[in-house]
Protein backbone atom coordinates (compact mmCIF):
# COMPACT_ATOMS: atom_id res chain seq x y z
CA UNK A 1 -34.53 14.03 -28.55
CA UNK A 2 -31.85 13.16 -30.33
CA UNK A 3 -29.93 15.32 -33.18
CA UNK A 4 -27.21 14.58 -34.67
CA UNK A 5 -24.66 16.95 -36.77
CA UNK A 6 -22.87 15.72 -40.16
CA UNK A 7 -19.92 18.35 -39.43
CA UNK A 8 -17.59 16.14 -41.23
CA UNK A 9 -15.24 18.29 -43.98
CA UNK A 10 -16.74 21.74 -41.96
CA UNK A 11 -13.96 24.19 -40.91
CA UNK A 12 -13.11 24.91 -37.55
CA UNK A 13 -14.78 26.79 -36.01
CA UNK A 14 -18.16 25.59 -37.91
CA UNK A 15 -18.68 22.92 -35.53
CA UNK A 16 -18.72 24.42 -33.20
CA UNK A 17 -21.08 27.05 -33.82
CA UNK A 18 -23.23 24.45 -35.43
CA UNK A 19 -23.05 22.73 -32.01
CA UNK A 20 -23.66 25.67 -30.02
CA UNK A 21 -26.94 26.86 -31.95
CA UNK A 22 -29.00 23.39 -31.59
CA UNK A 23 -28.18 23.26 -27.76
CA UNK A 24 -29.27 25.93 -27.17
CA UNK A 25 -33.28 24.71 -27.53
CA UNK A 26 -31.76 21.66 -25.84
CA UNK A 27 -34.00 20.28 -22.71
CA UNK A 28 -32.93 17.96 -20.03
CA UNK A 29 -32.74 14.74 -21.74
CA UNK A 30 -31.65 15.36 -25.12
CA UNK A 31 -28.71 14.22 -26.72
CA UNK A 32 -26.18 15.60 -29.26
CA UNK A 33 -24.09 13.88 -31.91
CA UNK A 34 -21.48 15.60 -33.59
CA UNK A 35 -19.87 13.49 -36.13
CA UNK A 36 -16.41 15.04 -36.97
CA UNK A 37 -13.21 14.49 -38.85
CA UNK A 38 -10.33 15.59 -37.40
CA UNK A 39 -9.20 15.75 -32.90
CA UNK A 40 -9.01 19.15 -33.24
CA UNK A 41 -12.57 19.66 -33.39
CA UNK A 42 -12.96 16.69 -30.89
CA UNK A 43 -10.89 18.97 -28.42
CA UNK A 44 -12.72 22.38 -28.94
CA UNK A 45 -16.11 20.54 -28.73
CA UNK A 46 -14.91 19.42 -25.25
CA UNK A 47 -14.48 22.62 -24.38
CA UNK A 48 -18.11 23.91 -25.26
CA UNK A 49 -19.51 20.87 -23.51
CA UNK A 50 -17.47 22.11 -20.33
CA UNK A 51 -17.59 26.18 -20.48
CA UNK A 52 -22.24 25.30 -21.19
CA UNK A 53 -21.68 22.39 -17.94
CA UNK A 54 -22.92 19.63 -20.48
CA UNK A 55 -22.26 15.99 -20.08
CA UNK A 56 -19.67 15.05 -22.93
CA UNK A 57 -17.72 11.63 -24.47
CA UNK A 58 -16.42 10.90 -27.69
CA UNK A 59 -16.15 7.97 -29.24
CA UNK A 60 -13.91 7.12 -32.34
CA UNK A 61 -15.64 5.24 -35.45
CA UNK A 62 -12.42 4.34 -37.42
CA UNK A 63 -9.41 6.87 -39.14
CA UNK A 64 -10.89 10.59 -38.21
CA UNK A 65 -13.74 9.78 -38.19
CA UNK A 66 -15.05 10.81 -34.74
CA UNK A 67 -18.99 10.61 -32.87
CA UNK A 68 -18.48 13.45 -30.41
CA UNK A 69 -21.74 13.56 -28.11
CA UNK A 70 -23.18 15.78 -25.64
CA UNK A 71 -26.25 14.92 -22.91
CA UNK A 72 -27.85 17.03 -20.59
CA UNK A 73 -28.59 14.76 -17.70
CA UNK A 74 -32.45 14.03 -17.23
CA UNK A 75 -31.98 14.16 -13.31
CA UNK A 76 -30.39 17.94 -13.14
CA UNK A 77 -32.38 20.92 -12.12
CA UNK A 78 -32.43 23.71 -14.33
CA UNK A 79 -34.23 27.18 -13.08
CA UNK A 80 -35.13 29.96 -15.32
CA UNK A 81 -33.36 33.23 -14.62
CA UNK A 82 -34.40 36.28 -15.76
CA UNK A 83 -30.93 37.53 -15.30
CA UNK A 84 -29.81 35.56 -18.38
CA UNK A 85 -31.70 38.00 -20.71
CA UNK A 86 -29.32 40.62 -19.25
CA UNK A 87 -26.15 41.32 -21.13
CA UNK A 88 -23.59 43.52 -18.86
CA UNK A 89 -20.88 43.15 -21.07
CA UNK A 90 -19.51 46.63 -21.42
CA UNK A 91 -18.01 45.97 -24.24
CA UNK A 92 -20.07 46.55 -26.46
CA UNK A 93 -20.00 50.21 -25.76
CA UNK A 94 -16.10 50.36 -26.39
CA UNK A 95 -15.09 51.43 -28.97
CA UNK A 96 -13.28 48.13 -30.64
CA UNK A 97 -11.43 48.37 -33.82
CA UNK A 98 -10.65 45.71 -35.85
CA UNK A 99 -7.93 45.97 -38.20
CA UNK A 100 -7.83 43.34 -41.48
CA UNK A 101 -4.12 44.56 -42.67
CA UNK A 102 -3.52 40.99 -45.06
CA UNK A 103 -6.62 38.58 -46.89
CA UNK A 104 -5.04 35.44 -44.69
CA UNK A 105 -4.08 34.96 -41.24
CA UNK A 106 -1.04 34.45 -39.53
CA UNK A 107 2.03 32.87 -41.14
CA UNK A 108 3.17 29.83 -43.35
CA UNK A 109 1.20 28.52 -45.39
CA UNK A 110 -0.64 30.67 -48.21
CA UNK A 111 -3.48 28.15 -48.88
CA UNK A 112 -4.16 27.81 -44.41
CA UNK A 113 -3.48 31.28 -44.33
CA UNK A 114 -6.80 31.97 -46.40
CA UNK A 115 -8.93 29.70 -44.88
CA UNK A 116 -8.14 30.82 -41.45
CA UNK A 117 -8.40 34.67 -42.27
CA UNK A 118 -12.13 32.98 -44.24
CA UNK A 119 -13.24 30.95 -40.49
CA UNK A 120 -12.37 33.96 -38.45
CA UNK A 121 -14.36 36.46 -40.32
CA UNK A 122 -17.33 34.12 -40.37
CA UNK A 123 -16.76 33.63 -36.79
CA UNK A 124 -16.65 37.56 -35.92
CA UNK A 125 -21.01 37.43 -37.32
CA UNK A 126 -21.17 34.53 -34.52
CA UNK A 127 -20.37 36.83 -31.92
CA UNK A 128 -21.78 38.76 -28.82
CA UNK A 129 -19.95 41.78 -29.04
CA UNK A 130 -18.51 42.45 -32.48
CA UNK A 131 -16.08 45.34 -33.49
CA UNK A 132 -17.39 49.26 -34.19
CA UNK A 133 -15.08 49.74 -37.35
CA UNK A 134 -13.37 47.20 -39.86
CA UNK A 135 -10.06 48.95 -40.91
CA UNK A 136 -9.46 47.14 -44.38
CA UNK A 137 -5.86 48.23 -45.95
CA UNK A 138 -2.95 46.72 -48.00
CA UNK A 139 -3.96 43.33 -49.10
CA UNK A 140 -6.67 43.35 -46.49
CA UNK A 141 -8.72 45.43 -48.98
CA UNK A 142 -8.94 42.42 -51.60
CA UNK A 143 -11.32 40.83 -48.32
CA UNK A 144 -14.12 43.53 -49.16
CA UNK A 145 -14.05 43.60 -53.01
CA UNK A 146 -16.39 41.63 -55.66
CA UNK A 147 -15.50 38.11 -55.71
CA UNK A 148 -14.26 37.97 -51.62
CA UNK A 149 -14.87 34.79 -50.30
CA UNK A 150 -15.84 36.64 -47.10
CA UNK A 151 -17.90 39.39 -48.94
CA UNK A 152 -21.20 37.83 -47.51
CA UNK A 153 -19.70 37.48 -43.87
CA UNK A 154 -18.63 41.25 -43.78
CA UNK A 155 -22.01 42.17 -45.75
CA UNK A 156 -23.97 40.75 -42.93
CA UNK A 157 -21.61 42.38 -39.66
CA UNK A 158 -22.78 45.72 -41.86
CA UNK A 159 -25.97 45.04 -41.40
CA UNK A 160 -25.74 44.75 -37.67
CA UNK A 161 -23.88 48.40 -37.15
CA UNK A 162 -20.69 47.25 -37.97
CA UNK A 163 -18.33 49.96 -39.48
CA UNK A 164 -16.59 48.55 -42.69
CA UNK A 165 -14.05 50.52 -44.40
CA UNK A 166 -11.34 50.16 -47.03
CA UNK A 167 -8.12 51.95 -47.66
CA UNK A 168 -8.29 53.96 -51.10
CA UNK A 169 -5.01 53.74 -51.87
CA UNK A 170 -5.02 50.74 -51.77
CA UNK A 171 -7.79 49.84 -53.88
CA UNK A 172 -6.19 51.76 -56.46
CA UNK A 173 -2.87 49.97 -56.27
CA UNK A 174 -4.41 46.16 -57.06
CA UNK A 175 -7.15 47.94 -60.14
CA UNK A 176 -9.65 47.77 -57.64
CA UNK A 177 -11.23 50.63 -57.19
CA UNK A 178 -14.16 49.89 -59.42
CA UNK A 179 -14.83 46.22 -57.29
CA UNK A 180 -15.36 47.42 -53.86
CA UNK A 181 -18.77 45.62 -52.12
CA UNK A 182 -19.54 46.02 -49.12
CA UNK A 183 -18.19 49.45 -46.74
CA UNK A 184 -17.20 53.09 -47.72
CA UNK A 185 -13.44 53.76 -49.42
CA UNK A 186 -11.55 55.98 -46.53
CA UNK A 187 -8.07 57.59 -46.58
CA UNK A 188 -4.92 57.45 -43.99
CA UNK A 189 -6.09 60.25 -41.86
CA UNK A 190 -9.23 58.81 -41.68
CA UNK A 191 -8.04 54.96 -40.61
CA UNK A 192 -5.18 56.62 -38.41
CA UNK A 193 -7.87 58.44 -36.38
CA UNK A 194 -9.32 55.46 -36.02
CA UNK A 195 -6.76 53.67 -33.96
CA UNK A 196 -5.71 56.07 -32.30
CA UNK A 197 -9.85 56.79 -30.62
CA UNK A 198 -10.20 52.60 -30.24
CA UNK A 199 -10.22 51.89 -26.66
CA UNK A 200 -9.09 48.34 -28.18
CA UNK A 201 -7.74 47.00 -31.57
CA UNK A 202 -7.81 43.63 -32.22
CA UNK A 203 -5.51 42.47 -35.19
CA UNK A 204 -5.59 38.61 -36.30
């Protein structure tokens, strides 16, 4: 079977996520071709292939137009292992707290920063290990209100059991108190408490 995914124009990490989903249903002899429009995506797909032990190659069709190709070897032996279904990652039981203090990721171009943050939150929904709590304050409070580009992803995370807390003082400051659309309002005491009790704090 051969499948083609057109990931041109899709921001990182969408090409990798879509390829990984497709490959999860593949068997020996199948081929996946992913169309992308930048070499960074080609490199990221190469890393995916290496981590999953797939044969991989890419072809530059024209400027900003590449075909990344995954092939599962017909002669390879694929054995079912019941242990594969067991997740021994202890991070699931840890108190991981994600802090979003801005509505953009990193320093530099503001538009790029917003795109990166949107991509980060979406990528988070695809992870096997999720944070226990997400704290949103300062400009990060804008991510959990009506009209936010990340609202759907935050709602999905909440439905998966992630606690989402947004600073009430921040909502008031920005005039967004009536527009909170996911999670609950919190205060600095709770924010401090969550951070102090966290086994791991992640801040992109």
